[in-house]
Amino acid sequence: MDMQNKEGKMRNLRLNYETLIKISRSLSKSRDPEEIIRMTVESIQSSLDIKGCALFLINRRSKELEVAASKGLSSEYLSKGPVSALHSIADSLKDGPIAVYDVSDDPRIQYPDAAKKEGIASILSVPIMVGDEAIGAIRAYTSEKWEFTLDDVNFVQALAQIAGILIEMTRLYQGQNDHIEALTTMCESPEL
């Protein structure tokens, strides 16, 4: 590896670490799951300098991945049809990160024509885990065929892990507040 490539790699790693520190600090202050999700996709898209990023959450009833936030993708692409958690790069929800080098030639892609029309060449899919359960996925999209490096995968995985923990914490926090409000209402009721 020549010196220029080595310096470029070190600069990218430093940027990713700085982004991880910045985003984890910001995310830990938020109690709003929508803000956490938005900040996560924006950070991944800008840090990796890629076409787009989307965060999907699993709808347990329909077994579909529902877009919670995206950056750099058209509304037409996002509304292409239901994204099945059982068919669309489904292995990433069970086995961990999956990188698709060429979306036009990979059977795991549910909507290859829509991806091509959107100008997507490669996809990295990383599960969002809470404990041993996948609650969603982050997908990073590139406009050129891209061999995702281990650093790329680790970076997206780290943000997926942080986002998963914080999404779960905010859900618990909101549930706790709802419970407290219900108890307060009951205690203030004149019938009691």
N, C-alpha and C. Protein backbone atom coordinates (compact mmCIF):
# COMPACT_ATOMS: atom_id res chain seq x y z
N MET A 1 0.85 -1.17 0.00
CA MET A 1 0.00 0.00 0.00
C MET A 1 0.90 1.23 0.00
N ASP A 2 0.68 2.13 -0.94
CA ASP A 2 1.51 3.32 -0.99
C ASP A 2 1.09 4.32 0.08
N MET A 3 1.94 5.31 0.31
CA MET A 3 1.75 6.27 1.40
C MET A 3 0.45 7.06 1.24
N GLN A 4 0.09 7.45 0.01
CA GLN A 4 -1.11 8.23 -0.21
C GLN A 4 -2.36 7.43 0.15
N ASN A 5 -2.41 6.15 -0.24
CA ASN A 5 -3.54 5.29 0.11
C ASN A 5 -3.63 5.09 1.62
N LYS A 6 -2.47 4.91 2.25
CA LYS A 6 -2.43 4.71 3.69
C LYS A 6 -2.96 5.95 4.42
N GLU A 7 -2.55 7.14 3.96
CA GLU A 7 -3.03 8.39 4.57
C GLU A 7 -4.54 8.55 4.36
N GLY A 8 -5.03 8.21 3.18
CA GLY A 8 -6.46 8.29 2.89
C GLY A 8 -7.26 7.36 3.77
N LYS A 9 -6.77 6.16 3.95
CA LYS A 9 -7.45 5.18 4.81
C LYS A 9 -7.48 5.67 6.25
N MET A 10 -6.37 6.21 6.73
CA MET A 10 -6.31 6.73 8.10
C MET A 10 -7.26 7.91 8.27
N ARG A 11 -7.35 8.78 7.28
CA ARG A 11 -8.25 9.93 7.34
C ARG A 11 -9.70 9.45 7.42
N ASN A 12 -10.05 8.43 6.62
CA ASN A 12 -11.41 7.88 6.65
C ASN A 12 -11.73 7.24 7.99
N LEU A 13 -10.77 6.49 8.53
CA LEU A 13 -10.99 5.89 9.85
C LEU A 13 -11.19 6.96 10.92
N ARG A 14 -10.37 8.00 10.88
CA ARG A 14 -10.48 9.07 11.86
C ARG A 14 -11.85 9.75 11.73
N LEU A 15 -12.28 9.99 10.49
CA LEU A 15 -13.59 10.60 10.27
C LEU A 15 -14.70 9.71 10.82
N ASN A 16 -14.61 8.40 10.59
CA ASN A 16 -15.62 7.48 11.10
C ASN A 16 -15.64 7.47 12.62
N TYR A 17 -14.47 7.46 13.26
CA TYR A 17 -14.42 7.49 14.72
C TYR A 17 -14.97 8.80 15.26
N GLU A 18 -14.60 9.90 14.63
CA GLU A 18 -15.11 11.21 15.07
C GLU A 18 -16.63 11.25 14.91
N THR A 19 -17.13 10.69 13.82
CA THR A 19 -18.57 10.65 13.59
C THR A 19 -19.25 9.77 14.63
N LEU A 20 -18.65 8.62 14.95
CA LEU A 20 -19.22 7.75 15.98
C LEU A 20 -19.31 8.46 17.32
N ILE A 21 -18.27 9.17 17.68
CA ILE A 21 -18.27 9.89 18.96
C ILE A 21 -19.34 10.98 18.94
N LYS A 22 -19.38 11.75 17.86
CA LYS A 22 -20.35 12.84 17.75
C LYS A 22 -21.78 12.32 17.77
N ILE A 23 -22.05 11.29 16.98
CA ILE A 23 -23.41 10.78 16.88
C ILE A 23 -23.83 10.08 18.17
N SER A 24 -22.94 9.34 18.81
CA SER A 24 -23.32 8.68 20.06
C SER A 24 -23.60 9.70 21.15
N ARG A 25 -22.85 10.78 21.17
CA ARG A 25 -23.09 11.86 22.14
C ARG A 25 -24.45 12.51 21.87
N SER A 26 -24.73 12.82 20.61
CA SER A 26 -26.01 13.46 20.26
C SER A 26 -27.18 12.51 20.49
N LEU A 27 -27.00 11.27 20.07
CA LEU A 27 -28.09 10.30 20.21
C LEU A 27 -28.43 10.04 21.67
N SER A 28 -27.41 10.01 22.51
CA SER A 28 -27.67 9.70 23.92
C SER A 28 -28.45 10.81 24.61
N LYS A 29 -28.48 12.00 24.03
CA LYS A 29 -29.22 13.12 24.62
C LYS A 29 -30.68 13.14 24.17
N SER A 30 -31.00 12.42 23.11
CA SER A 30 -32.34 12.49 22.53
C SER A 30 -33.27 11.47 23.16
N ARG A 31 -34.53 11.87 23.33
CA ARG A 31 -35.58 10.97 23.79
C ARG A 31 -36.60 10.74 22.67
N ASP A 32 -36.26 11.25 21.49
CA ASP A 32 -37.17 11.19 20.34
C ASP A 32 -36.66 10.14 19.35
N PRO A 33 -37.37 9.00 19.23
CA PRO A 33 -36.91 7.94 18.32
C PRO A 33 -36.79 8.41 16.87
N GLU A 34 -37.67 9.30 16.43
CA GLU A 34 -37.59 9.80 15.05
C GLU A 34 -36.31 10.59 14.83
N GLU A 35 -35.90 11.37 15.81
CA GLU A 35 -34.66 12.13 15.69
C GLU A 35 -33.45 11.19 15.67
N ILE A 36 -33.48 10.17 16.51
CA ILE A 36 -32.39 9.18 16.55
C ILE A 36 -32.25 8.50 15.19
N ILE A 37 -33.36 8.10 14.62
CA ILE A 37 -33.36 7.40 13.33
C ILE A 37 -32.85 8.33 12.23
N ARG A 38 -33.35 9.56 12.20
CA ARG A 38 -32.94 10.53 11.18
C ARG A 38 -31.44 10.82 11.27
N MET A 39 -30.95 11.06 12.48
CA MET A 39 -29.54 11.36 12.66
C MET A 39 -28.66 10.18 12.25
N THR A 40 -29.12 8.98 12.50
CA THR A 40 -28.36 7.78 12.14
C THR A 40 -28.17 7.69 10.62
N VAL A 41 -29.27 7.81 9.86
CA VAL A 41 -29.14 7.67 8.40
C VAL A 41 -28.35 8.82 7.79
N GLU A 42 -28.55 10.02 8.30
CA GLU A 42 -27.79 11.15 7.78
C GLU A 42 -26.29 10.99 8.04
N SER A 43 -25.94 10.49 9.22
CA SER A 43 -24.53 10.31 9.57
C SER A 43 -23.86 9.25 8.70
N ILE A 44 -24.56 8.16 8.45
CA ILE A 44 -23.99 7.10 7.62
C ILE A 44 -23.81 7.59 6.19
N GLN A 45 -24.83 8.24 5.65
CA GLN A 45 -24.76 8.71 4.26
C GLN A 45 -23.63 9.71 4.08
N SER A 46 -23.50 10.66 4.98
CA SER A 46 -22.46 11.68 4.81
C SER A 46 -21.07 11.14 5.13
N SER A 47 -20.94 10.29 6.14
CA SER A 47 -19.63 9.77 6.51
C SER A 47 -19.03 8.86 5.45
N LEU A 48 -19.87 8.01 4.87
CA LEU A 48 -19.37 7.10 3.84
C LEU A 48 -19.39 7.75 2.45
N ASP A 49 -20.02 8.93 2.36
CA ASP A 49 -20.12 9.66 1.09
C ASP A 49 -20.73 8.76 0.01
N ILE A 50 -21.93 8.26 0.32
CA ILE A 50 -22.63 7.33 -0.57
C ILE A 50 -23.93 7.96 -1.06
N LYS A 51 -24.57 7.28 -1.99
CA LYS A 51 -25.81 7.77 -2.59
C LYS A 51 -26.90 7.99 -1.54
N GLY A 52 -27.12 6.98 -0.71
CA GLY A 52 -28.22 7.09 0.24
C GLY A 52 -28.14 6.07 1.35
N CYS A 53 -29.05 6.24 2.29
CA CYS A 53 -29.13 5.34 3.43
C CYS A 53 -30.58 5.32 3.89
N ALA A 54 -31.02 4.17 4.37
CA ALA A 54 -32.38 4.06 4.92
C ALA A 54 -32.35 3.17 6.15
N LEU A 55 -33.20 3.52 7.09
CA LEU A 55 -33.37 2.70 8.29
C LEU A 55 -34.78 2.15 8.24
N PHE A 56 -34.88 0.83 8.32
CA PHE A 56 -36.15 0.13 8.28
C PHE A 56 -36.42 -0.49 9.65
N LEU A 57 -37.67 -0.49 10.06
CA LEU A 57 -38.09 -1.20 11.26
C LEU A 57 -39.03 -2.32 10.84
N ILE A 58 -38.93 -3.46 11.51
CA ILE A 58 -39.76 -4.61 11.15
C ILE A 58 -41.16 -4.44 11.72
N ASN A 59 -42.16 -4.59 10.86
CA ASN A 59 -43.54 -4.66 11.29
C ASN A 59 -43.80 -6.13 11.63
N ARG A 60 -43.98 -6.41 12.89
CA ARG A 60 -44.12 -7.81 13.33
C ARG A 60 -45.36 -8.50 12.75
N ARG A 61 -46.41 -7.75 12.49
CA ARG A 61 -47.63 -8.36 11.95
C ARG A 61 -47.47 -8.75 10.49
N SER A 62 -46.97 -7.81 9.69
CA SER A 62 -46.90 -8.06 8.25
C SER A 62 -45.57 -8.68 7.80
N LYS A 63 -44.58 -8.70 8.68
CA LYS A 63 -43.22 -9.19 8.36
C LYS A 63 -42.60 -8.35 7.25
N GLU A 64 -42.96 -7.09 7.21
CA GLU A 64 -42.38 -6.17 6.23
C GLU A 64 -41.44 -5.21 6.91
N LEU A 65 -40.45 -4.75 6.14
CA LEU A 65 -39.55 -3.71 6.60
C LEU A 65 -40.15 -2.38 6.20
N GLU A 66 -40.44 -1.54 7.18
CA GLU A 66 -41.06 -0.25 6.91
C GLU A 66 -40.01 0.85 7.07
N VAL A 67 -39.95 1.74 6.10
CA VAL A 67 -38.98 2.83 6.13
C VAL A 67 -39.31 3.76 7.29
N ALA A 68 -38.35 3.93 8.18
CA ALA A 68 -38.51 4.86 9.30
C ALA A 68 -37.86 6.20 8.96
N ALA A 69 -36.77 6.16 8.19
CA ALA A 69 -36.09 7.39 7.74
C ALA A 69 -35.17 7.03 6.60
N SER A 70 -34.92 8.02 5.74
CA SER A 70 -33.99 7.81 4.63
C SER A 70 -33.34 9.12 4.27
N LYS A 71 -32.24 9.00 3.57
CA LYS A 71 -31.51 10.18 3.08
C LYS A 71 -30.94 9.80 1.72
N GLY A 72 -31.16 10.66 0.70
CA GLY A 72 -30.57 10.45 -0.61
C GLY A 72 -31.33 9.53 -1.54
N LEU A 73 -32.52 9.10 -1.14
CA LEU A 73 -33.33 8.20 -1.97
C LEU A 73 -34.64 8.89 -2.34
N SER A 74 -35.11 8.64 -3.55
CA SER A 74 -36.34 9.30 -4.01
C SER A 74 -37.56 8.68 -3.35
N SER A 75 -38.63 9.47 -3.29
CA SER A 75 -39.88 8.96 -2.73
C SER A 75 -40.44 7.85 -3.62
N GLU A 76 -40.16 7.94 -4.94
CA GLU A 76 -40.60 6.89 -5.86
C GLU A 76 -39.94 5.55 -5.50
N TYR A 77 -38.64 5.59 -5.22
CA TYR A 77 -37.94 4.35 -4.86
C TYR A 77 -38.46 3.82 -3.52
N LEU A 78 -38.64 4.71 -2.57
CA LEU A 78 -39.09 4.30 -1.24
C LEU A 78 -40.50 3.73 -1.25
N SER A 79 -41.29 4.11 -2.23
CA SER A 79 -42.68 3.62 -2.30
C SER A 79 -42.85 2.56 -3.39
N LYS A 80 -41.79 1.86 -3.72
CA LYS A 80 -41.80 0.87 -4.81
C LYS A 80 -42.68 -0.33 -4.51
N GLY A 81 -42.96 -0.58 -3.26
CA GLY A 81 -43.76 -1.72 -2.85
C GLY A 81 -43.30 -2.21 -1.50
N PRO A 82 -44.05 -3.15 -0.91
CA PRO A 82 -43.67 -3.64 0.41
C PRO A 82 -42.32 -4.37 0.37
N VAL A 83 -41.49 -4.10 1.36
CA VAL A 83 -40.18 -4.75 1.45
C VAL A 83 -40.30 -5.88 2.46
N SER A 84 -40.19 -7.10 1.98
CA SER A 84 -40.38 -8.27 2.82
C SER A 84 -39.15 -8.57 3.67
N ALA A 85 -39.36 -8.72 4.97
CA ALA A 85 -38.28 -9.11 5.86
C ALA A 85 -37.87 -10.56 5.60
N LEU A 86 -38.73 -11.30 4.92
CA LEU A 86 -38.46 -12.71 4.64
C LEU A 86 -37.77 -12.93 3.30
N HIS A 87 -37.77 -11.90 2.41
CA HIS A 87 -37.20 -12.09 1.07
C HIS A 87 -36.12 -11.09 0.68
N SER A 88 -36.21 -9.88 1.13
CA SER A 88 -35.30 -8.83 0.69
C SER A 88 -34.04 -8.81 1.55
N ILE A 89 -32.97 -9.41 1.04
CA ILE A 89 -31.70 -9.54 1.77
C ILE A 89 -31.99 -10.05 3.19
N ALA A 90 -32.88 -11.02 3.28
CA ALA A 90 -33.37 -11.52 4.57
C ALA A 90 -32.28 -12.10 5.45
N ASP A 91 -31.24 -12.66 4.84
CA ASP A 91 -30.17 -13.27 5.63
C ASP A 91 -29.50 -12.28 6.56
N SER A 92 -29.52 -10.99 6.21
CA SER A 92 -28.85 -10.01 7.06
C SER A 92 -29.57 -9.88 8.40
N LEU A 93 -30.86 -10.18 8.46
CA LEU A 93 -31.59 -10.09 9.72
C LEU A 93 -31.26 -11.27 10.64
N LYS A 94 -30.79 -12.38 10.05
CA LYS A 94 -30.44 -13.56 10.85
C LYS A 94 -28.94 -13.71 11.04
N ASP A 95 -28.20 -13.47 9.97
CA ASP A 95 -26.78 -13.81 9.98
C ASP A 95 -25.83 -12.62 10.11
N GLY A 96 -26.35 -11.42 10.10
CA GLY A 96 -25.48 -10.25 10.21
C GLY A 96 -25.35 -9.53 8.88
N PRO A 97 -24.40 -8.62 8.79
CA PRO A 97 -24.27 -7.77 7.60
C PRO A 97 -24.11 -8.56 6.30
N ILE A 98 -24.79 -8.04 5.26
CA ILE A 98 -24.69 -8.60 3.92
C ILE A 98 -24.36 -7.46 2.97
N ALA A 99 -23.32 -7.64 2.18
CA ALA A 99 -22.96 -6.66 1.16
C ALA A 99 -23.29 -7.24 -0.21
N VAL A 100 -24.03 -6.48 -0.99
CA VAL A 100 -24.39 -6.88 -2.35
C VAL A 100 -23.60 -5.98 -3.29
N TYR A 101 -22.67 -6.59 -4.02
CA TYR A 101 -21.80 -5.83 -4.91
C TYR A 101 -22.54 -5.32 -6.14
N ASP A 102 -23.42 -6.16 -6.72
CA ASP A 102 -24.12 -5.80 -7.96
C ASP A 102 -25.60 -6.13 -7.80
N VAL A 103 -26.42 -5.09 -7.54
CA VAL A 103 -27.85 -5.32 -7.30
C VAL A 103 -28.58 -5.85 -8.52
N SER A 104 -28.03 -5.61 -9.71
CA SER A 104 -28.70 -6.07 -10.92
C SER A 104 -28.52 -7.57 -11.15
N ASP A 105 -27.61 -8.19 -10.39
CA ASP A 105 -27.30 -9.60 -10.61
C ASP A 105 -27.27 -10.38 -9.30
N ASP A 106 -28.21 -10.10 -8.40
CA ASP A 106 -28.22 -10.79 -7.11
C ASP A 106 -29.66 -11.16 -6.76
N PRO A 107 -29.93 -12.45 -6.57
CA PRO A 107 -31.31 -12.91 -6.33
C PRO A 107 -31.88 -12.45 -4.99
N ARG A 108 -31.04 -11.95 -4.09
CA ARG A 108 -31.53 -11.49 -2.78
C ARG A 108 -32.20 -10.12 -2.86
N ILE A 109 -32.07 -9.44 -3.99
CA ILE A 109 -32.67 -8.12 -4.15
C ILE A 109 -34.12 -8.30 -4.60
N GLN A 110 -35.05 -7.75 -3.83
CA GLN A 110 -36.47 -7.92 -4.10
C GLN A 110 -36.95 -7.08 -5.27
N TYR A 111 -36.38 -5.88 -5.45
CA TYR A 111 -36.79 -4.98 -6.52
C TYR A 111 -35.58 -4.51 -7.32
N PRO A 112 -34.95 -5.42 -8.10
CA PRO A 112 -33.74 -5.02 -8.83
C PRO A 112 -33.99 -3.94 -9.89
N ASP A 113 -35.15 -3.96 -10.55
CA ASP A 113 -35.44 -2.95 -11.57
C ASP A 113 -35.59 -1.57 -10.94
N ALA A 114 -36.25 -1.51 -9.80
CA ALA A 114 -36.42 -0.23 -9.10
C ALA A 114 -35.06 0.30 -8.63
N ALA A 115 -34.20 -0.61 -8.16
CA ALA A 115 -32.85 -0.21 -7.72
C ALA A 115 -32.06 0.35 -8.91
N LYS A 116 -32.14 -0.32 -10.03
CA LYS A 116 -31.43 0.14 -11.23
C LYS A 116 -31.94 1.52 -11.67
N LYS A 117 -33.26 1.67 -11.68
CA LYS A 117 -33.86 2.95 -12.07
C LYS A 117 -33.43 4.06 -11.11
N GLU A 118 -33.26 3.74 -9.84
CA GLU A 118 -32.85 4.72 -8.82
C GLU A 118 -31.36 5.04 -8.93
N GLY A 119 -30.64 4.21 -9.68
CA GLY A 119 -29.20 4.44 -9.82
C GLY A 119 -28.39 3.79 -8.71
N ILE A 120 -28.94 2.73 -8.13
CA ILE A 120 -28.26 2.01 -7.06
C ILE A 120 -27.47 0.86 -7.66
N ALA A 121 -26.21 0.75 -7.29
CA ALA A 121 -25.36 -0.32 -7.81
C ALA A 121 -25.07 -1.37 -6.73
N SER A 122 -24.80 -0.92 -5.50
CA SER A 122 -24.45 -1.84 -4.40
C SER A 122 -25.24 -1.46 -3.15
N ILE A 123 -25.45 -2.46 -2.30
CA ILE A 123 -26.17 -2.25 -1.04
C ILE A 123 -25.45 -2.99 0.08
N LEU A 124 -25.36 -2.34 1.22
CA LEU A 124 -24.92 -2.98 2.46
C LEU A 124 -26.12 -3.00 3.38
N SER A 125 -26.49 -4.19 3.85
CA SER A 125 -27.62 -4.33 4.77
C SER A 125 -27.09 -4.84 6.10
N VAL A 126 -27.41 -4.09 7.16
CA VAL A 126 -26.93 -4.41 8.51
C VAL A 126 -28.14 -4.48 9.44
N PRO A 127 -28.27 -5.56 10.21
CA PRO A 127 -29.41 -5.65 11.12
C PRO A 127 -29.29 -4.69 12.29
N ILE A 128 -30.43 -4.25 12.79
CA ILE A 128 -30.48 -3.48 14.03
C ILE A 128 -30.97 -4.46 15.09
N MET A 129 -30.10 -4.73 16.04
CA MET A 129 -30.38 -5.75 17.04
C MET A 129 -30.68 -5.13 18.40
N VAL A 130 -31.63 -5.72 19.09
CA VAL A 130 -31.86 -5.43 20.51
C VAL A 130 -31.79 -6.80 21.18
N GLY A 131 -30.71 -7.02 21.91
CA GLY A 131 -30.46 -8.35 22.44
C GLY A 131 -30.20 -9.30 21.28
N ASP A 132 -30.95 -10.38 21.23
CA ASP A 132 -30.80 -11.36 20.14
C ASP A 132 -31.86 -11.18 19.06
N GLU A 133 -32.66 -10.13 19.16
CA GLU A 133 -33.77 -9.94 18.23
C GLU A 133 -33.49 -8.79 17.27
N ALA A 134 -33.69 -9.06 15.98
CA ALA A 134 -33.58 -8.01 14.97
C ALA A 134 -34.87 -7.19 14.99
N ILE A 135 -34.72 -5.86 15.14
CA ILE A 135 -35.90 -4.99 15.12
C ILE A 135 -35.98 -4.20 13.81
N GLY A 136 -34.93 -4.32 12.99
CA GLY A 136 -34.91 -3.59 11.74
C GLY A 136 -33.58 -3.77 11.02
N ALA A 137 -33.35 -2.89 10.07
CA ALA A 137 -32.11 -2.96 9.29
C ALA A 137 -31.74 -1.57 8.81
N ILE A 138 -30.45 -1.35 8.68
CA ILE A 138 -29.94 -0.16 8.03
C ILE A 138 -29.38 -0.61 6.69
N ARG A 139 -29.74 0.12 5.66
CA ARG A 139 -29.21 -0.19 4.32
C ARG A 139 -28.49 1.03 3.78
N ALA A 140 -27.26 0.79 3.35
CA ALA A 140 -26.43 1.83 2.73
C ALA A 140 -26.40 1.54 1.23
N TYR A 141 -26.67 2.56 0.41
CA TYR A 141 -26.80 2.42 -1.03
C TYR A 141 -25.71 3.23 -1.74
N THR A 142 -25.07 2.62 -2.73
CA THR A 142 -24.06 3.33 -3.51
C THR A 142 -24.51 3.44 -4.97
N SER A 143 -24.00 4.46 -5.65
CA SER A 143 -24.35 4.63 -7.06
C SER A 143 -23.36 3.94 -7.99
N GLU A 144 -22.25 3.50 -7.44
CA GLU A 144 -21.27 2.72 -8.20
C GLU A 144 -21.05 1.40 -7.48
N LYS A 145 -20.67 0.38 -8.23
CA LYS A 145 -20.38 -0.90 -7.59
C LYS A 145 -19.28 -0.68 -6.56
N TRP A 146 -19.52 -1.18 -5.37
CA TRP A 146 -18.68 -0.85 -4.22
C TRP A 146 -18.40 -2.12 -3.43
N GLU A 147 -17.15 -2.39 -3.20
CA GLU A 147 -16.78 -3.48 -2.30
C GLU A 147 -16.64 -2.86 -0.92
N PHE A 148 -17.64 -3.05 -0.08
CA PHE A 148 -17.63 -2.48 1.26
C PHE A 148 -16.47 -3.08 2.05
N THR A 149 -15.71 -2.23 2.70
CA THR A 149 -14.57 -2.69 3.50
C THR A 149 -15.06 -3.12 4.87
N LEU A 150 -14.21 -3.80 5.59
CA LEU A 150 -14.53 -4.18 6.95
C LEU A 150 -14.77 -2.93 7.80
N ASP A 151 -14.01 -1.87 7.54
CA ASP A 151 -14.22 -0.60 8.26
C ASP A 151 -15.60 -0.03 7.98
N ASP A 152 -16.05 -0.09 6.72
CA ASP A 152 -17.40 0.38 6.36
C ASP A 152 -18.45 -0.41 7.13
N VAL A 153 -18.32 -1.73 7.09
CA VAL A 153 -19.28 -2.61 7.75
C VAL A 153 -19.29 -2.36 9.25
N ASN A 154 -18.11 -2.29 9.85
CA ASN A 154 -18.03 -2.06 11.29
C ASN A 154 -18.64 -0.73 11.69
N PHE A 155 -18.41 0.31 10.89
CA PHE A 155 -18.96 1.62 11.16
C PHE A 155 -20.49 1.59 11.15
N VAL A 156 -21.07 1.01 10.10
CA VAL A 156 -22.53 0.93 10.01
C VAL A 156 -23.08 0.04 11.12
N GLN A 157 -22.39 -1.05 11.41
CA GLN A 157 -22.83 -1.93 12.49
C GLN A 157 -22.83 -1.21 13.84
N ALA A 158 -21.81 -0.43 14.10
CA ALA A 158 -21.72 0.31 15.36
C ALA A 158 -22.90 1.27 15.48
N LEU A 159 -23.20 2.01 14.41
CA LEU A 159 -24.33 2.94 14.46
C LEU A 159 -25.66 2.19 14.56
N ALA A 160 -25.77 1.04 13.92
CA ALA A 160 -26.99 0.23 14.02
C ALA A 160 -27.19 -0.24 15.46
N GLN A 161 -26.11 -0.65 16.10
CA GLN A 161 -26.19 -1.11 17.49
C GLN A 161 -26.60 0.02 18.42
N ILE A 162 -25.96 1.17 18.25
CA ILE A 162 -26.29 2.34 19.08
C ILE A 162 -27.76 2.74 18.85
N ALA A 163 -28.16 2.81 17.58
CA ALA A 163 -29.54 3.19 17.26
C ALA A 163 -30.53 2.19 17.86
N GLY A 164 -30.23 0.91 17.76
CA GLY A 164 -31.13 -0.11 18.31
C GLY A 164 -31.32 0.04 19.81
N ILE A 165 -30.24 0.24 20.51
CA ILE A 165 -30.32 0.42 21.97
C ILE A 165 -31.14 1.66 22.30
N LEU A 166 -30.85 2.76 21.61
CA LEU A 166 -31.54 4.01 21.91
C LEU A 166 -33.01 3.99 21.50
N ILE A 167 -33.33 3.33 20.39
CA ILE A 167 -34.73 3.18 19.99
C ILE A 167 -35.49 2.41 21.07
N GLU A 168 -34.90 1.34 21.54
CA GLU A 168 -35.54 0.54 22.59
C GLU A 168 -35.67 1.34 23.88
N MET A 169 -34.65 2.08 24.24
CA MET A 169 -34.70 2.89 25.46
C MET A 169 -35.79 3.96 25.36
N THR A 170 -35.91 4.61 24.20
CA THR A 170 -36.94 5.65 24.07
C THR A 170 -38.33 5.03 24.07
N ARG A 171 -38.47 3.84 23.52
CA ARG A 171 -39.77 3.16 23.58
C ARG A 171 -40.13 2.86 25.03
N LEU A 172 -39.17 2.37 25.79
CA LEU A 172 -39.41 2.08 27.21
C LEU A 172 -39.72 3.36 27.98
N TYR A 173 -38.98 4.42 27.69
CA TYR A 173 -39.18 5.71 28.35
C TYR A 173 -40.58 6.24 28.05
N GLN A 174 -41.00 6.18 26.78
CA GLN A 174 -42.33 6.64 26.41
C GLN A 174 -43.41 5.78 27.05
N GLY A 175 -43.18 4.46 27.09
CA GLY A 175 -44.13 3.57 27.74
C GLY A 175 -44.25 3.87 29.23
N GLN A 176 -43.13 4.15 29.86
CA GLN A 176 -43.13 4.50 31.28
C GLN A 176 -43.90 5.80 31.51
N ASN A 177 -43.68 6.80 30.66
CA ASN A 177 -44.41 8.06 30.79
C ASN A 177 -45.91 7.87 30.59
N ASP A 178 -46.29 7.04 29.62
CA ASP A 178 -47.70 6.75 29.39
C ASP A 178 -48.31 6.09 30.62
N HIS A 179 -47.57 5.16 31.21
CA HIS A 179 -48.04 4.46 32.41
C HIS A 179 -48.20 5.44 33.58
N ILE A 180 -47.24 6.34 33.76
CA ILE A 180 -47.31 7.34 34.83
C ILE A 180 -48.51 8.25 34.62
N GLU A 181 -48.74 8.69 33.37
CA GLU A 181 -49.89 9.54 33.08
C GLU A 181 -51.20 8.83 33.37
N ALA A 182 -51.29 7.57 33.02
CA ALA A 182 -52.51 6.80 33.29
C ALA A 182 -52.75 6.68 34.80
N LEU A 183 -51.70 6.40 35.54
CA LEU A 183 -51.82 6.30 37.00
C LEU A 183 -52.22 7.64 37.62
N THR A 184 -51.62 8.72 37.13
CA THR A 184 -51.94 10.06 37.63
C THR A 184 -53.40 10.38 37.37
N THR A 185 -53.88 10.07 36.18
CA THR A 185 -55.27 10.31 35.82
C THR A 185 -56.20 9.51 36.72
N MET A 186 -55.83 8.26 36.98
CA MET A 186 -56.66 7.41 37.85
C MET A 186 -56.69 7.97 39.26
N CYS A 187 -55.56 8.42 39.77
CA CYS A 187 -55.48 8.95 41.13
C CYS A 187 -56.24 10.25 41.30
N GLU A 188 -56.32 11.03 40.23
CA GLU A 188 -57.00 12.32 40.27
C GLU A 188 -58.49 12.18 40.00
N SER A 189 -58.92 11.01 39.62
CA SER A 189 -60.32 10.78 39.29
C SER A 189 -61.18 10.93 40.54
N PRO A 190 -62.30 11.67 40.46
CA PRO A 190 -63.15 11.87 41.64
C PRO A 190 -63.85 10.58 42.10
N GLU A 191 -63.93 9.58 41.24
CA GLU A 191 -64.59 8.32 41.63
C GLU A 191 -63.75 7.53 42.62
N LEU A 192 -62.45 7.83 42.73
CA LEU A 192 -61.58 7.04 43.62
C LEU A 192 -61.61 7.53 45.03
